[in-house]
C-alpha cells in the first residue's frame, strides 16, 4: 500500500498522525496473518505539500512501487493532482483530510474520502448555530488560506439561504499570533 503526505512541509503534523495510523493498521493486519496470507508493506512518499512533488511521488507509488492502493494526500490541491494519477494508473486512493467537495464530485471512480467535505460540515454547523442555538448575529473568523476560505465560503452560502447572513467575516493570516484586535471587532459587532 502507498502513503503520500506532507512529511516535511506545512502539514507535517497532520501527515505524521495519518502515517502513524497507517502504520498501526498495517501492524494489526500483519499480526493477524496479513492480506490473504501475505504481509502488507507500506510504501511511504513525501510530497512536501507541493502539487508538482505530489505528482512525481504518486507516479512513483503507482508505476514504480506498483501499490494496490494509496492513502493520501493531505491537502485538497495535492489530492486533485493525485487523483489524476490514480485515474491513469487505476489505483484507488482514499483521503482522510482533504475536504474540498469537488474531489469526489468529479466522479473519478478511484478516489474516496472518509470524512465529511466542506459542504456537509457547513450545513451541519449552520443547522446547529442558526436552527438549534437560534443565533442571529454571527461573526466568522477565518484562516486566510485556501482551506479556510473554502470552508467559510460554503458556511456563508448556507447561512444566506437560511435567512441569517453572516455580515462580518474577518480573515487572519497564517502567522497571526495576537487575535485580540479581531475579537474586539467581533465584540463591538455584538456577535
N, C-alpha and C. Protein backbone atom coordinates (compact mmCIF):
# COMPACT_ATOMS: atom_id res chain seq x y z
N UNK A 1 0.85 -1.18 0.00
CA UNK A 1 0.00 0.00 0.00
C UNK A 1 0.88 1.23 0.00
N UNK A 2 0.38 2.30 -0.62
CA UNK A 2 1.13 3.54 -0.66
C UNK A 2 0.59 4.55 0.34
N UNK A 3 1.48 5.37 0.83
CA UNK A 3 1.13 6.50 1.68
C UNK A 3 1.79 7.72 1.08
N UNK A 4 1.01 8.79 0.87
CA UNK A 4 1.58 10.04 0.38
C UNK A 4 1.06 11.17 1.24
N UNK A 5 2.00 11.98 1.71
CA UNK A 5 1.63 13.09 2.56
C UNK A 5 2.76 14.08 2.67
N UNK A 6 2.46 15.13 3.38
CA UNK A 6 3.41 16.23 3.58
C UNK A 6 4.22 15.93 4.84
N UNK A 7 5.29 15.18 4.69
CA UNK A 7 6.10 14.78 5.85
C UNK A 7 7.20 15.77 6.16
N UNK A 8 7.43 16.72 5.26
CA UNK A 8 8.46 17.74 5.50
C UNK A 8 7.99 19.09 4.98
N UNK A 9 6.80 19.47 5.37
CA UNK A 9 6.24 20.74 4.91
C UNK A 9 5.21 21.25 5.89
N UNK A 10 4.36 22.17 5.44
CA UNK A 10 3.44 22.86 6.36
C UNK A 10 2.37 21.99 7.01
N UNK A 11 2.05 20.86 6.44
CA UNK A 11 1.01 19.99 7.02
C UNK A 11 1.62 18.73 7.62
N UNK A 12 2.88 18.82 8.05
CA UNK A 12 3.56 17.61 8.53
C UNK A 12 2.92 17.03 9.78
N UNK A 13 2.31 17.84 10.63
CA UNK A 13 1.67 17.29 11.83
C UNK A 13 0.50 16.38 11.45
N UNK A 14 -0.36 16.85 10.52
CA UNK A 14 -1.48 16.02 10.05
C UNK A 14 -0.96 14.76 9.37
N UNK A 15 0.03 14.93 8.53
CA UNK A 15 0.58 13.80 7.79
C UNK A 15 1.17 12.76 8.72
N UNK A 16 1.89 13.22 9.73
CA UNK A 16 2.51 12.28 10.66
C UNK A 16 1.45 11.50 11.43
N UNK A 17 0.37 12.17 11.83
CA UNK A 17 -0.71 11.48 12.53
C UNK A 17 -1.34 10.41 11.63
N UNK A 18 -1.56 10.76 10.37
CA UNK A 18 -2.15 9.80 9.45
C UNK A 18 -1.18 8.64 9.19
N UNK A 19 0.10 8.94 9.07
CA UNK A 19 1.10 7.90 8.86
C UNK A 19 1.17 6.98 10.08
N UNK A 20 1.10 7.53 11.28
CA UNK A 20 1.08 6.70 12.49
C UNK A 20 -0.10 5.74 12.47
N UNK A 21 -1.26 6.24 12.07
CA UNK A 21 -2.46 5.40 11.97
C UNK A 21 -2.30 4.32 10.92
N UNK A 22 -1.71 4.67 9.78
CA UNK A 22 -1.49 3.70 8.71
C UNK A 22 -0.53 2.61 9.18
N UNK A 23 0.54 3.01 9.85
CA UNK A 23 1.50 2.03 10.35
C UNK A 23 0.84 1.09 11.37
N UNK A 24 0.01 1.65 12.23
CA UNK A 24 -0.69 0.83 13.23
C UNK A 24 -1.60 -0.18 12.54
N UNK A 25 -2.33 0.26 11.53
CA UNK A 25 -3.23 -0.64 10.81
C UNK A 25 -2.46 -1.75 10.11
N UNK A 26 -1.34 -1.40 9.49
CA UNK A 26 -0.51 -2.41 8.81
C UNK A 26 0.02 -3.43 9.82
N UNK A 27 0.46 -2.95 10.98
CA UNK A 27 0.94 -3.87 12.02
C UNK A 27 -0.16 -4.83 12.45
N UNK A 28 -1.38 -4.31 12.64
CA UNK A 28 -2.50 -5.15 13.06
C UNK A 28 -2.84 -6.18 11.98
N UNK A 29 -2.86 -5.74 10.73
CA UNK A 29 -3.18 -6.66 9.62
C UNK A 29 -2.12 -7.75 9.54
N UNK A 30 -0.87 -7.36 9.62
CA UNK A 30 0.21 -8.34 9.52
C UNK A 30 0.24 -9.28 10.72
N UNK A 31 -0.09 -8.78 11.91
CA UNK A 31 -0.15 -9.63 13.10
C UNK A 31 -1.25 -10.67 13.00
N UNK A 32 -2.29 -10.34 12.21
CA UNK A 32 -3.41 -11.26 12.01
C UNK A 32 -3.19 -12.16 10.79
N UNK A 33 -1.98 -12.15 10.24
CA UNK A 33 -1.70 -13.05 9.12
C UNK A 33 -1.59 -12.36 7.78
N UNK A 34 -1.72 -11.04 7.77
CA UNK A 34 -1.60 -10.30 6.51
C UNK A 34 -2.87 -10.33 5.68
N UNK A 35 -2.74 -10.00 4.43
CA UNK A 35 -3.86 -10.00 3.50
C UNK A 35 -3.75 -11.26 2.65
N UNK A 36 -4.69 -12.17 2.83
CA UNK A 36 -4.66 -13.47 2.15
C UNK A 36 -3.32 -14.16 2.36
N UNK A 37 -2.82 -14.05 3.60
CA UNK A 37 -1.58 -14.72 3.97
C UNK A 37 -0.31 -13.98 3.59
N UNK A 38 -0.43 -12.84 2.96
CA UNK A 38 0.75 -12.08 2.56
C UNK A 38 0.86 -10.82 3.42
N UNK A 39 2.08 -10.48 3.86
CA UNK A 39 2.23 -9.27 4.68
C UNK A 39 2.00 -8.02 3.84
N UNK A 40 1.43 -7.03 4.49
CA UNK A 40 1.21 -5.73 3.85
C UNK A 40 2.46 -4.89 4.05
N UNK A 41 2.92 -4.29 2.98
CA UNK A 41 4.08 -3.41 3.02
C UNK A 41 3.60 -1.99 2.73
N UNK A 42 4.01 -1.05 3.55
CA UNK A 42 3.61 0.35 3.38
C UNK A 42 4.76 1.12 2.72
N UNK A 43 4.51 1.62 1.51
CA UNK A 43 5.48 2.45 0.80
C UNK A 43 5.14 3.90 1.10
N UNK A 44 6.11 4.64 1.62
CA UNK A 44 5.86 6.00 2.11
C UNK A 44 6.53 7.01 1.20
N UNK A 45 5.78 8.03 0.80
CA UNK A 45 6.29 9.09 -0.06
C UNK A 45 5.93 10.45 0.53
N UNK A 46 6.88 11.38 0.46
CA UNK A 46 6.70 12.76 0.95
C UNK A 46 6.45 13.68 -0.23
N UNK A 47 5.30 14.34 -0.25
CA UNK A 47 5.02 15.27 -1.36
C UNK A 47 5.34 16.72 -0.99
N UNK A 48 5.76 16.96 0.24
CA UNK A 48 6.17 18.29 0.71
C UNK A 48 5.09 19.36 0.51
N UNK A 49 3.85 18.94 0.41
CA UNK A 49 2.70 19.83 0.17
C UNK A 49 2.83 20.59 -1.14
N UNK A 50 3.53 20.01 -2.09
CA UNK A 50 3.73 20.62 -3.40
C UNK A 50 2.99 19.79 -4.45
N UNK A 51 2.22 20.46 -5.29
CA UNK A 51 1.47 19.74 -6.31
C UNK A 51 2.41 19.01 -7.27
N UNK A 52 3.51 19.66 -7.65
CA UNK A 52 4.46 19.02 -8.56
C UNK A 52 5.11 17.81 -7.93
N UNK A 53 5.53 17.95 -6.67
CA UNK A 53 6.15 16.82 -5.97
C UNK A 53 5.14 15.71 -5.74
N UNK A 54 3.88 16.08 -5.49
CA UNK A 54 2.83 15.09 -5.31
C UNK A 54 2.69 14.25 -6.57
N UNK A 55 2.66 14.92 -7.72
CA UNK A 55 2.53 14.18 -8.98
C UNK A 55 3.70 13.21 -9.16
N UNK A 56 4.92 13.68 -8.90
CA UNK A 56 6.10 12.83 -9.04
C UNK A 56 6.03 11.63 -8.11
N UNK A 57 5.65 11.87 -6.86
CA UNK A 57 5.62 10.78 -5.88
C UNK A 57 4.47 9.80 -6.14
N UNK A 58 3.33 10.32 -6.60
CA UNK A 58 2.21 9.43 -6.96
C UNK A 58 2.60 8.54 -8.13
N UNK A 59 3.27 9.09 -9.12
CA UNK A 59 3.72 8.29 -10.26
C UNK A 59 4.65 7.18 -9.77
N UNK A 60 5.56 7.52 -8.86
CA UNK A 60 6.48 6.51 -8.32
C UNK A 60 5.72 5.43 -7.55
N UNK A 61 4.74 5.84 -6.71
CA UNK A 61 3.96 4.86 -5.98
C UNK A 61 3.22 3.90 -6.92
N UNK A 62 2.59 4.48 -7.94
CA UNK A 62 1.73 3.68 -8.82
C UNK A 62 2.52 2.87 -9.85
N UNK A 63 3.55 3.45 -10.42
CA UNK A 63 4.22 2.78 -11.53
C UNK A 63 5.56 2.15 -11.18
N UNK A 64 6.24 2.63 -10.15
CA UNK A 64 7.50 2.01 -9.72
C UNK A 64 7.24 1.03 -8.57
N UNK A 65 6.57 1.51 -7.52
CA UNK A 65 6.29 0.66 -6.37
C UNK A 65 5.14 -0.31 -6.63
N UNK A 66 4.31 0.01 -7.62
CA UNK A 66 3.17 -0.82 -8.04
C UNK A 66 2.23 -1.14 -6.87
N UNK A 67 1.89 -0.09 -6.11
CA UNK A 67 1.00 -0.26 -4.97
C UNK A 67 -0.41 -0.61 -5.45
N UNK A 68 -1.17 -1.24 -4.56
CA UNK A 68 -2.54 -1.62 -4.88
C UNK A 68 -3.55 -0.57 -4.45
N UNK A 69 -3.11 0.39 -3.63
CA UNK A 69 -3.96 1.48 -3.15
C UNK A 69 -3.10 2.52 -2.49
N UNK A 70 -3.64 3.74 -2.37
CA UNK A 70 -2.88 4.86 -1.80
C UNK A 70 -3.72 5.54 -0.73
N UNK A 71 -3.09 5.83 0.40
CA UNK A 71 -3.67 6.64 1.45
C UNK A 71 -3.03 8.02 1.35
N UNK A 72 -3.83 9.06 1.13
CA UNK A 72 -3.33 10.42 0.99
C UNK A 72 -4.19 11.12 -0.04
N UNK A 73 -3.95 12.24 -0.40
CA UNK A 73 -2.97 13.22 0.02
C UNK A 73 -3.51 14.05 1.18
N UNK A 74 -2.74 15.05 1.58
CA UNK A 74 -3.10 15.81 2.77
C UNK A 74 -3.98 17.01 2.45
N UNK A 75 -3.65 17.73 1.42
CA UNK A 75 -4.40 18.94 1.11
C UNK A 75 -5.27 18.71 -0.12
N UNK A 76 -6.27 19.54 -0.27
CA UNK A 76 -7.18 19.38 -1.40
C UNK A 76 -6.47 19.60 -2.73
N UNK A 77 -5.55 20.57 -2.79
CA UNK A 77 -4.88 20.81 -4.07
C UNK A 77 -3.99 19.64 -4.47
N UNK A 78 -3.25 19.05 -3.52
CA UNK A 78 -2.43 17.90 -3.89
C UNK A 78 -3.29 16.67 -4.15
N UNK A 79 -4.43 16.56 -3.49
CA UNK A 79 -5.33 15.44 -3.74
C UNK A 79 -5.89 15.52 -5.16
N UNK A 80 -6.18 16.73 -5.63
CA UNK A 80 -6.65 16.88 -7.02
C UNK A 80 -5.60 16.38 -8.00
N UNK A 81 -4.34 16.63 -7.72
CA UNK A 81 -3.25 16.14 -8.58
C UNK A 81 -3.17 14.62 -8.48
N UNK A 82 -3.16 14.12 -7.25
CA UNK A 82 -3.00 12.68 -7.02
C UNK A 82 -4.13 11.87 -7.67
N UNK A 83 -5.33 12.39 -7.64
CA UNK A 83 -6.45 11.62 -8.19
C UNK A 83 -6.31 11.46 -9.69
N UNK A 84 -5.66 12.39 -10.36
CA UNK A 84 -5.45 12.24 -11.81
C UNK A 84 -4.47 11.11 -12.11
N UNK A 85 -3.45 10.98 -11.25
CA UNK A 85 -2.52 9.86 -11.40
C UNK A 85 -3.24 8.56 -11.06
N UNK A 86 -4.03 8.57 -9.99
CA UNK A 86 -4.79 7.38 -9.60
C UNK A 86 -5.72 6.94 -10.73
N UNK A 87 -6.34 7.89 -11.40
CA UNK A 87 -7.22 7.58 -12.53
C UNK A 87 -6.44 6.92 -13.65
N UNK A 88 -5.32 7.51 -14.00
CA UNK A 88 -4.50 6.97 -15.10
C UNK A 88 -3.99 5.57 -14.76
N UNK A 89 -3.56 5.38 -13.51
CA UNK A 89 -2.99 4.09 -13.08
C UNK A 89 -4.06 3.08 -12.66
N UNK A 90 -5.31 3.56 -12.49
CA UNK A 90 -6.41 2.74 -11.99
C UNK A 90 -6.05 2.12 -10.63
N UNK A 91 -5.57 3.00 -9.75
CA UNK A 91 -5.21 2.63 -8.38
C UNK A 91 -6.10 3.43 -7.44
N UNK A 92 -6.83 2.77 -6.54
CA UNK A 92 -7.68 3.52 -5.62
C UNK A 92 -6.89 4.37 -4.63
N UNK A 93 -7.43 5.54 -4.35
CA UNK A 93 -6.83 6.45 -3.38
C UNK A 93 -7.93 6.88 -2.42
N UNK A 94 -7.58 6.96 -1.14
CA UNK A 94 -8.52 7.46 -0.14
C UNK A 94 -7.87 8.60 0.62
N UNK A 95 -8.61 9.69 0.76
CA UNK A 95 -8.11 10.83 1.52
C UNK A 95 -8.85 10.91 2.85
N UNK A 96 -8.10 11.24 3.87
CA UNK A 96 -8.66 11.36 5.22
C UNK A 96 -8.69 12.80 5.69
N UNK A 97 -8.18 13.72 4.89
CA UNK A 97 -8.06 15.11 5.33
C UNK A 97 -8.65 16.10 4.33
N UNK A 98 -8.57 15.84 3.06
CA UNK A 98 -8.99 16.80 2.04
C UNK A 98 -10.51 16.99 2.06
N UNK A 99 -10.95 18.22 2.32
CA UNK A 99 -12.39 18.49 2.47
C UNK A 99 -13.02 19.17 1.27
N UNK A 100 -12.28 19.46 0.23
CA UNK A 100 -12.83 20.09 -0.97
C UNK A 100 -13.91 19.18 -1.56
N UNK A 101 -15.16 19.65 -1.64
CA UNK A 101 -16.24 18.80 -2.13
C UNK A 101 -16.04 18.30 -3.56
N UNK A 102 -15.34 19.06 -4.37
CA UNK A 102 -15.20 18.67 -5.78
C UNK A 102 -14.31 17.45 -5.97
N UNK A 103 -13.55 17.07 -4.96
CA UNK A 103 -12.67 15.90 -5.09
C UNK A 103 -13.48 14.66 -5.45
N UNK A 104 -14.58 14.44 -4.77
CA UNK A 104 -15.39 13.26 -5.07
C UNK A 104 -16.55 13.56 -6.00
N UNK A 105 -16.81 14.81 -6.27
CA UNK A 105 -17.91 15.16 -7.18
C UNK A 105 -17.53 15.03 -8.64
N UNK A 106 -16.24 14.99 -8.94
CA UNK A 106 -15.83 14.92 -10.34
C UNK A 106 -15.93 13.49 -10.88
N UNK A 107 -16.40 12.59 -10.08
CA UNK A 107 -16.73 11.22 -10.45
C UNK A 107 -15.54 10.47 -11.05
N UNK A 108 -14.44 10.49 -10.35
CA UNK A 108 -13.31 9.63 -10.67
C UNK A 108 -13.52 8.37 -9.83
N UNK A 109 -13.68 7.22 -10.45
CA UNK A 109 -14.03 6.02 -9.67
C UNK A 109 -12.92 5.50 -8.77
N UNK A 110 -11.78 6.14 -8.77
CA UNK A 110 -10.64 5.66 -8.00
C UNK A 110 -10.38 6.50 -6.76
N UNK A 111 -11.17 7.52 -6.50
CA UNK A 111 -10.93 8.41 -5.35
C UNK A 111 -12.06 8.27 -4.34
N UNK A 112 -11.68 8.20 -3.08
CA UNK A 112 -12.64 8.06 -1.99
C UNK A 112 -12.23 8.97 -0.85
N UNK A 113 -13.17 9.29 0.01
CA UNK A 113 -12.86 10.06 1.22
C UNK A 113 -13.54 9.41 2.40
N UNK A 114 -12.98 9.63 3.59
CA UNK A 114 -13.57 9.05 4.79
C UNK A 114 -13.83 10.14 5.83
N UNK A 115 -14.15 11.34 5.34
CA UNK A 115 -14.51 12.44 6.22
C UNK A 115 -15.54 13.30 5.51
N UNK A 116 -16.23 14.10 6.27
CA UNK A 116 -17.23 15.00 5.69
C UNK A 116 -16.53 16.12 4.93
N UNK A 117 -17.07 16.46 3.76
CA UNK A 117 -16.49 17.55 2.99
C UNK A 117 -16.97 18.90 3.52
N UNK A 118 -16.44 19.99 2.95
CA UNK A 118 -16.79 21.34 3.41
C UNK A 118 -18.29 21.60 3.37
N UNK A 119 -18.97 21.09 2.35
CA UNK A 119 -20.40 21.33 2.25
C UNK A 119 -21.15 20.66 3.39
N UNK A 120 -20.83 19.41 3.65
CA UNK A 120 -21.51 18.69 4.73
C UNK A 120 -21.22 19.33 6.08
N UNK A 121 -19.96 19.69 6.31
CA UNK A 121 -19.59 20.32 7.57
C UNK A 121 -20.31 21.66 7.75
N UNK A 122 -20.36 22.44 6.67
CA UNK A 122 -21.01 23.76 6.75
C UNK A 122 -22.49 23.64 7.03
N UNK A 123 -23.15 22.69 6.37
CA UNK A 123 -24.58 22.50 6.61
C UNK A 123 -24.85 22.09 8.05
N UNK A 124 -24.04 21.18 8.57
CA UNK A 124 -24.21 20.73 9.96
C UNK A 124 -23.94 21.88 10.94
N UNK A 125 -22.90 22.65 10.69
CA UNK A 125 -22.57 23.78 11.56
C UNK A 125 -23.67 24.84 11.51
N UNK A 126 -24.14 25.16 10.32
CA UNK A 126 -25.20 26.16 10.18
C UNK A 126 -26.48 25.71 10.86
N UNK A 127 -26.82 24.45 10.71
CA UNK A 127 -28.02 23.93 11.37
C UNK A 127 -27.89 24.09 12.88
N UNK A 128 -26.74 23.76 13.42
CA UNK A 128 -26.52 23.89 14.85
C UNK A 128 -26.57 25.35 15.29
N UNK A 129 -25.85 26.22 14.61
CA UNK A 129 -25.74 27.63 15.01
C UNK A 129 -27.06 28.37 14.83
N UNK A 130 -27.72 28.20 13.68
CA UNK A 130 -28.88 29.02 13.36
C UNK A 130 -30.22 28.38 13.73
N UNK A 131 -30.33 27.07 13.64
CA UNK A 131 -31.61 26.43 13.96
C UNK A 131 -31.68 25.95 15.41
N UNK A 132 -30.65 25.26 15.86
CA UNK A 132 -30.70 24.74 17.23
C UNK A 132 -30.40 25.81 18.27
N UNK A 133 -29.33 26.58 18.05
CA UNK A 133 -28.95 27.61 19.02
C UNK A 133 -29.66 28.94 18.77
N UNK A 134 -30.22 29.12 17.59
CA UNK A 134 -31.01 30.30 17.21
C UNK A 134 -30.21 31.61 17.25
N UNK A 135 -28.92 31.54 16.95
CA UNK A 135 -28.11 32.76 16.90
C UNK A 135 -28.48 33.57 15.67
N UNK A 136 -28.51 34.89 15.81
CA UNK A 136 -28.87 35.78 14.70
C UNK A 136 -27.70 36.64 14.25
N UNK A 137 -26.82 36.99 15.16
CA UNK A 137 -25.65 37.83 14.83
C UNK A 137 -24.39 36.99 14.99
N UNK A 138 -23.91 36.50 13.88
CA UNK A 138 -22.76 35.60 13.90
C UNK A 138 -21.61 36.26 13.14
N UNK A 139 -20.44 36.20 13.74
CA UNK A 139 -19.22 36.68 13.08
C UNK A 139 -18.38 35.45 12.75
N UNK A 140 -17.65 35.57 11.69
CA UNK A 140 -16.82 34.46 11.23
C UNK A 140 -15.36 34.90 11.23
N UNK A 141 -14.53 34.15 11.90
CA UNK A 141 -13.09 34.38 11.92
C UNK A 141 -12.49 33.26 11.09
N UNK A 142 -11.93 33.62 9.93
CA UNK A 142 -11.48 32.58 9.01
C UNK A 142 -10.00 32.71 8.67
N UNK A 143 -9.36 31.56 8.60
CA UNK A 143 -7.95 31.50 8.22
C UNK A 143 -7.84 31.93 6.76
N UNK A 144 -6.96 32.88 6.48
CA UNK A 144 -6.83 33.41 5.13
C UNK A 144 -5.89 32.53 4.30
N UNK A 145 -6.35 31.32 4.06
CA UNK A 145 -5.68 30.42 3.13
C UNK A 145 -6.77 29.67 2.37
N UNK A 146 -6.39 28.86 1.42
CA UNK A 146 -7.37 28.17 0.58
C UNK A 146 -8.30 27.31 1.44
N UNK A 147 -7.75 26.61 2.39
CA UNK A 147 -8.54 25.73 3.25
C UNK A 147 -9.57 26.53 4.03
N UNK A 148 -9.14 27.63 4.66
CA UNK A 148 -10.06 28.46 5.43
C UNK A 148 -11.12 29.13 4.57
N UNK A 149 -10.72 29.61 3.42
CA UNK A 149 -11.67 30.30 2.54
C UNK A 149 -12.72 29.36 1.99
N UNK A 150 -12.32 28.14 1.63
CA UNK A 150 -13.29 27.20 1.05
C UNK A 150 -14.38 26.83 2.05
N UNK A 151 -13.98 26.49 3.27
CA UNK A 151 -14.97 26.10 4.27
C UNK A 151 -15.87 27.24 4.66
N UNK A 152 -15.30 28.43 4.84
CA UNK A 152 -16.13 29.56 5.27
C UNK A 152 -17.03 30.05 4.14
N UNK A 153 -16.60 29.91 2.90
CA UNK A 153 -17.45 30.35 1.78
C UNK A 153 -18.75 29.55 1.76
N UNK A 154 -18.65 28.26 1.98
CA UNK A 154 -19.86 27.44 1.99
C UNK A 154 -20.72 27.76 3.20
N UNK A 155 -20.11 28.01 4.34
CA UNK A 155 -20.88 28.38 5.53
C UNK A 155 -21.65 29.67 5.29
N UNK A 156 -21.02 30.64 4.64
CA UNK A 156 -21.69 31.91 4.31
C UNK A 156 -22.88 31.66 3.38
N UNK A 157 -22.70 30.79 2.37
CA UNK A 157 -23.80 30.49 1.43
C UNK A 157 -24.97 29.83 2.16
N UNK A 158 -24.66 28.87 3.03
CA UNK A 158 -25.73 28.17 3.76
C UNK A 158 -26.45 29.14 4.68
N UNK A 159 -25.71 29.99 5.38
CA UNK A 159 -26.33 30.97 6.27
C UNK A 159 -27.24 31.90 5.48
N UNK A 160 -26.80 32.35 4.33
CA UNK A 160 -27.63 33.23 3.48
C UNK A 160 -28.93 32.53 3.10
N UNK A 161 -28.83 31.26 2.68
CA UNK A 161 -30.03 30.51 2.29
C UNK A 161 -30.97 30.30 3.48
N UNK A 162 -30.41 30.24 4.69
CA UNK A 162 -31.25 30.05 5.88
C UNK A 162 -31.84 31.36 6.37
N UNK A 163 -31.50 32.47 5.70
CA UNK A 163 -32.06 33.76 6.07
C UNK A 163 -31.32 34.45 7.21
N UNK A 164 -30.13 34.00 7.54
CA UNK A 164 -29.34 34.61 8.60
C UNK A 164 -27.93 34.87 8.06
N UNK A 165 -27.79 35.87 7.18
CA UNK A 165 -26.49 36.08 6.57
C UNK A 165 -25.42 36.46 7.59
N UNK A 166 -24.22 35.99 7.33
CA UNK A 166 -23.07 36.36 8.16
C UNK A 166 -22.57 37.68 7.62
N UNK A 167 -22.71 38.74 8.44
CA UNK A 167 -22.40 40.09 7.98
C UNK A 167 -20.97 40.50 8.28
N UNK A 168 -20.30 39.78 9.15
CA UNK A 168 -18.92 40.13 9.45
C UNK A 168 -18.07 38.86 9.38
N UNK A 169 -17.08 38.92 8.50
CA UNK A 169 -16.13 37.81 8.35
C UNK A 169 -14.73 38.41 8.33
N UNK A 170 -13.93 37.98 9.24
CA UNK A 170 -12.57 38.53 9.37
C UNK A 170 -11.58 37.44 8.99
N UNK A 171 -10.72 37.79 8.05
CA UNK A 171 -9.67 36.86 7.62
C UNK A 171 -8.40 37.14 8.42
N UNK A 172 -7.77 36.11 8.91
CA UNK A 172 -6.50 36.29 9.62
C UNK A 172 -5.39 35.55 8.87
N UNK A 173 -4.19 36.12 8.86
CA UNK A 173 -3.07 35.49 8.16
C UNK A 173 -2.53 34.28 8.92
N UNK A 174 -1.83 33.43 8.21
CA UNK A 174 -1.31 32.18 8.78
C UNK A 174 -0.43 32.38 10.00
N UNK A 175 0.35 33.42 10.02
CA UNK A 175 1.30 33.60 11.13
C UNK A 175 0.72 34.45 12.26
N UNK A 176 -0.58 34.71 12.25
CA UNK A 176 -1.22 35.54 13.26
C UNK A 176 -1.07 34.92 14.65
N UNK A 177 -0.61 35.69 15.60
CA UNK A 177 -0.46 35.21 16.98
C UNK A 177 -1.42 35.93 17.93
N UNK A 178 -1.65 37.21 17.68
CA UNK A 178 -2.49 38.03 18.56
C UNK A 178 -3.86 38.22 17.91
N UNK A 179 -4.88 37.65 18.51
CA UNK A 179 -6.23 37.72 17.96
C UNK A 179 -7.09 38.78 18.65
N UNK A 180 -6.52 39.50 19.61
CA UNK A 180 -7.29 40.49 20.36
C UNK A 180 -7.93 41.55 19.46
N UNK A 181 -7.23 42.08 18.46
CA UNK A 181 -7.89 43.08 17.60
C UNK A 181 -9.11 42.52 16.88
N UNK A 182 -9.03 41.27 16.45
CA UNK A 182 -10.16 40.65 15.77
C UNK A 182 -11.31 40.41 16.74
N UNK A 183 -10.98 39.96 17.92
CA UNK A 183 -12.00 39.71 18.93
C UNK A 183 -12.70 41.00 19.35
N UNK A 184 -11.97 42.12 19.38
CA UNK A 184 -12.58 43.41 19.70
C UNK A 184 -13.61 43.79 18.63
N UNK A 185 -13.26 43.59 17.36
CA UNK A 185 -14.19 43.88 16.26
C UNK A 185 -15.45 43.04 16.42
N UNK A 186 -15.27 41.76 16.71
CA UNK A 186 -16.40 40.85 16.87
C UNK A 186 -17.25 41.25 18.06
N UNK A 187 -16.61 41.62 19.16
CA UNK A 187 -17.34 42.05 20.36
C UNK A 187 -18.11 43.33 20.07
N UNK A 188 -17.47 44.29 19.40
CA UNK A 188 -18.13 45.57 19.08
C UNK A 188 -19.33 45.34 18.15
N UNK A 189 -19.25 44.33 17.31
CA UNK A 189 -20.34 44.00 16.40
C UNK A 189 -21.54 43.42 17.18
N UNK A 190 -21.25 42.79 18.29
CA UNK A 190 -22.31 42.20 19.10
C UNK A 190 -22.64 40.78 18.73
N UNK A 191 -21.68 40.11 18.16
CA UNK A 191 -21.94 38.72 17.75
C UNK A 191 -22.07 37.83 18.97
